[in-house]
Amino acid sequence: MEIIKVIDELEREIQEAKKMPLTSKLLVEEELLFKYVDALRAHIPEDIRQAQWVNKEKERILKDAKEEAKSIVHNTESKVQELCDEKEVIKIANQKAKDIVDNANQKATKIIQGSYQYVDDIMTDMEKRMDKQLKEIRAGKTEIKSTINKYKMKQSGAISKVSSNTMSLKENVSSHLSEKNEHKASVATSEKEEN
């Protein structure tokens, strides 16, 4: 079935997906996930059409069984009319016809129940897989947001530190220049006094 192939391909993509460093999370491209979701949607109606086909087959089987039963009754009536009491033969033929129709109904019911169970099993399995993938995607998304916030905080701290270091450097340069100017003034004053 096509839907199983799509699920298998999705599973293969997940197994081959890159892992986020230092976590058990996977990185899966959003476009890739949407591609598989679209493929699953496209193939689900095929499975439902198959279930509808099974239902139509049930009706056909019932119709064929009824026609066969009528045919048996008709043939039996024709042959028996010449041999013995018509009422007894018709009773036997009707019982056979009833048995055939009952048997056909039982077979058709089993086919329909089996097809519904099959479709339900596929949908349940697909639901579990999709739930698991959604949980992993949400966890990955949360992890990425957390990493971005940590990075922003780290960057903010680094910028504050650089600003603080710059201010300290400016103060040191100003202090150094003041000391140098005072020293020059002192040297100039000493030279004047000596002259």
Protein backbone atom coordinates (compact mmCIF):
# COMPACT_ATOMS: atom_id res chain seq x y z
CA MET A 1 0.00 0.00 0.00
CA GLU A 2 1.22 3.49 -0.87
CA ILE A 3 0.51 4.93 2.57
CA ILE A 4 2.85 2.38 4.20
CA LYS A 5 5.60 3.35 1.72
CA VAL A 6 5.14 7.02 2.63
CA ILE A 7 5.34 6.19 6.34
CA ASP A 8 8.47 4.07 5.75
CA GLU A 9 10.11 6.92 3.79
CA LEU A 10 9.25 9.39 6.56
CA GLU A 11 10.72 7.02 9.13
CA ARG A 12 13.90 6.66 7.02
CA GLU A 13 14.23 10.46 6.79
CA ILE A 14 13.90 10.72 10.56
CA GLN A 15 16.52 8.03 11.12
CA GLU A 16 18.93 9.86 8.78
CA ALA A 17 18.18 13.33 10.20
CA LYS A 18 21.00 15.31 11.81
CA LYS A 19 21.05 15.34 15.60
CA MET A 20 21.31 18.56 17.58
CA PRO A 21 24.61 18.74 19.44
CA LEU A 22 24.47 17.72 23.09
CA THR A 23 20.79 16.64 22.85
CA SER A 24 18.74 13.72 21.63
CA LYS A 25 16.76 16.07 19.37
CA LEU A 26 16.69 15.82 15.59
CA LEU A 27 16.82 18.58 13.00
CA VAL A 28 14.21 17.94 10.32
CA GLU A 29 13.41 20.48 7.64
CA GLU A 30 9.91 21.86 7.90
CA GLU A 31 9.38 21.61 4.14
CA LEU A 32 10.25 17.90 4.25
CA LEU A 33 7.70 17.25 7.00
CA PHE A 34 4.99 19.10 5.06
CA LYS A 35 5.88 17.04 1.98
CA TYR A 36 5.19 13.81 3.87
CA VAL A 37 2.03 15.17 5.50
CA ASP A 38 0.73 16.06 2.01
CA ALA A 39 1.67 12.60 0.72
CA LEU A 40 -0.18 10.96 3.63
CA ARG A 41 -3.25 13.08 2.95
CA ALA A 42 -3.10 12.14 -0.73
CA HIS A 43 -2.97 8.41 0.03
CA ILE A 44 -5.51 8.20 2.85
CA PRO A 45 -8.46 8.55 0.43
CA GLU A 46 -7.10 5.53 -1.52
CA ASP A 47 -7.35 3.39 1.61
CA ILE A 48 -10.84 4.67 2.24
CA ARG A 49 -11.75 3.91 -1.39
CA GLN A 50 -10.53 0.37 -0.82
CA ALA A 51 -12.82 0.09 2.21
CA GLN A 52 -15.70 1.38 0.05
CA TRP A 53 -14.80 -1.21 -2.58
CA VAL A 54 -15.05 -3.92 0.08
CA ASN A 55 -18.48 -2.60 0.99
CA LYS A 56 -19.59 -2.72 -2.67
CA GLU A 57 -18.19 -6.22 -2.94
CA LYS A 58 -20.38 -7.23 0.00
CA GLU A 59 -23.44 -5.92 -1.84
CA ARG A 60 -22.38 -7.71 -5.02
CA ILE A 61 -21.81 -10.96 -3.14
CA LEU A 62 -25.23 -10.65 -1.53
CA LYS A 63 -26.85 -9.90 -4.89
CA ASP A 64 -25.06 -12.84 -6.55
CA ALA A 65 -26.02 -15.11 -3.66
CA LYS A 66 -29.66 -14.06 -3.92
CA GLU A 67 -29.66 -14.59 -7.67
CA GLU A 68 -27.98 -17.97 -7.21
CA ALA A 69 -30.54 -18.87 -4.56
CA LYS A 70 -33.38 -17.84 -6.87
CA SER A 71 -31.81 -19.87 -9.65
CA ILE A 72 -31.47 -22.92 -7.41
CA VAL A 73 -35.05 -22.55 -6.24
CA HIS A 74 -36.28 -22.16 -9.82
CA ASN A 75 -34.30 -25.16 -11.12
CA THR A 76 -35.30 -27.29 -8.17
CA GLU A 77 -38.96 -26.40 -8.57
CA SER A 78 -38.87 -27.27 -12.26
CA LYS A 79 -37.24 -30.66 -11.73
CA VAL A 80 -39.17 -31.63 -8.64
CA GLN A 81 -42.58 -30.81 -10.05
CA GLU A 82 -42.23 -33.87 -12.28
CA LEU A 83 -41.02 -36.20 -9.50
CA CYS A 84 -42.82 -35.57 -6.23
CA ASP A 85 -44.84 -33.31 -4.03
CA GLU A 86 -44.19 -29.70 -5.00
CA LYS A 87 -44.51 -28.29 -1.47
CA GLU A 88 -41.78 -30.46 0.07
CA VAL A 89 -39.30 -29.75 -2.70
CA ILE A 90 -39.92 -25.99 -2.55
CA LYS A 91 -39.43 -26.10 1.19
CA ILE A 92 -36.05 -27.83 0.72
CA ALA A 93 -35.04 -25.42 -2.03
CA ASN A 94 -36.06 -22.41 0.04
CA GLN A 95 -34.02 -23.73 2.96
CA LYS A 96 -30.98 -24.19 0.69
CA ALA A 97 -31.47 -20.71 -0.74
CA LYS A 98 -31.77 -19.28 2.79
CA ASP A 99 -28.58 -21.12 3.82
CA ILE A 100 -26.70 -19.70 0.80
CA VAL A 101 -27.88 -16.14 1.52
CA ASP A 102 -27.03 -16.48 5.24
CA ASN A 103 -23.59 -17.80 4.36
CA ALA A 104 -23.02 -14.93 1.89
CA ASN A 105 -24.13 -12.41 4.55
CA GLN A 106 -21.72 -13.88 7.09
CA LYS A 107 -18.82 -13.74 4.60
CA ALA A 108 -19.66 -10.18 3.60
CA THR A 109 -19.86 -9.10 7.27
CA LYS A 110 -16.45 -10.63 7.99
CA ILE A 111 -14.94 -8.89 4.96
CA ILE A 112 -16.36 -5.51 6.00
CA GLN A 113 -15.30 -5.90 9.64
CA GLY A 114 -11.82 -6.93 8.52
CA SER A 115 -11.51 -3.95 6.18
CA TYR A 116 -12.70 -1.49 8.84
CA GLN A 117 -10.27 -2.99 11.35
CA TYR A 118 -7.46 -2.78 8.79
CA VAL A 119 -8.16 0.90 8.05
CA ASP A 120 -8.48 1.63 11.80
CA ASP A 121 -5.13 -0.09 12.48
CA ILE A 122 -3.42 1.97 9.76
CA MET A 123 -4.91 5.22 11.05
CA THR A 124 -3.99 4.38 14.67
CA ASP A 125 -0.40 3.54 13.69
CA MET A 126 -0.14 6.71 11.61
CA GLU A 127 -1.57 8.78 14.47
CA LYS A 128 1.00 7.34 16.91
CA ARG A 129 3.88 8.04 14.52
CA MET A 130 2.69 11.58 13.81
CA ASP A 131 2.21 12.27 17.55
CA LYS A 132 5.76 11.08 18.20
CA GLN A 133 7.13 13.26 15.39
CA LEU A 134 5.18 16.31 16.60
CA LYS A 135 6.52 15.83 20.14
CA GLU A 136 10.09 15.63 18.79
CA ILE A 137 9.56 18.70 16.61
CA ARG A 138 8.12 20.68 19.53
CA ALA A 139 10.97 19.57 21.80
CA GLY A 140 13.49 20.60 19.12
CA LYS A 141 11.77 23.94 18.71
CA THR A 142 11.89 24.54 22.48
CA GLU A 143 15.57 23.55 22.56
CA ILE A 144 16.38 25.97 19.71
CA LYS A 145 14.54 28.84 21.46
CA SER A 146 16.40 28.07 24.69
CA THR A 147 19.75 28.03 22.86
CA ILE A 148 18.94 31.36 21.13
CA ASN A 149 17.98 32.96 24.47
CA LYS A 150 21.20 31.72 26.09
CA TYR A 151 23.19 33.08 23.16
CA LYS A 152 21.45 36.47 23.41
CA MET A 153 22.15 36.63 27.15
CA LYS A 154 25.79 35.70 26.56
CA GLN A 155 26.09 38.36 23.83
CA SER A 156 24.48 40.96 26.09
CA GLY A 157 26.94 40.11 28.87
CA ALA A 158 29.89 40.31 26.46
CA ILE A 159 28.75 43.74 25.19
CA SER A 160 28.42 45.02 28.78
CA LYS A 161 31.89 43.73 29.58
CA VAL A 162 33.35 45.37 26.45
CA SER A 163 31.66 48.68 27.41
CA SER A 164 33.01 48.42 30.94
CA ASN A 165 36.53 47.61 29.67
CA THR A 166 36.34 50.54 27.22
CA MET A 167 35.35 52.95 30.01
CA SER A 168 38.17 51.64 32.22
CA LEU A 169 40.66 52.01 29.36
CA LYS A 170 39.50 55.61 28.74
CA GLU A 171 39.92 56.43 32.43
CA ASN A 172 43.43 54.88 32.43
CA VAL A 173 44.43 56.82 29.30
CA SER A 174 43.05 60.09 30.77
CA SER A 175 44.84 59.47 34.03
CA HIS A 176 48.07 58.68 32.21
CA LEU A 177 47.78 61.80 30.04
CA SER A 178 47.13 63.96 33.13
CA GLU A 179 50.17 62.53 34.88
CA LYS A 180 52.27 63.11 31.75
CA ASN A 181 51.07 66.71 31.43
CA GLU A 182 51.74 67.35 35.13
CA HIS A 183 55.21 65.88 34.71
CA LYS A 184 55.90 68.13 31.68
CA ALA A 185 54.67 71.15 33.59
CA SER A 186 56.85 70.23 36.53
CA VAL A 187 59.90 69.74 34.29
CA ALA A 188 59.24 73.07 32.54
CA THR A 189 58.92 74.85 35.91
CA SER A 190 62.18 73.30 37.13
CA GLU A 191 64.00 74.41 33.99
CA LYS A 192 62.73 77.98 34.39
CA GLU A 193 63.86 78.09 37.97
CA GLU A 194 67.29 76.83 37.03
CA ASN A 195 67.63 79.53 34.36
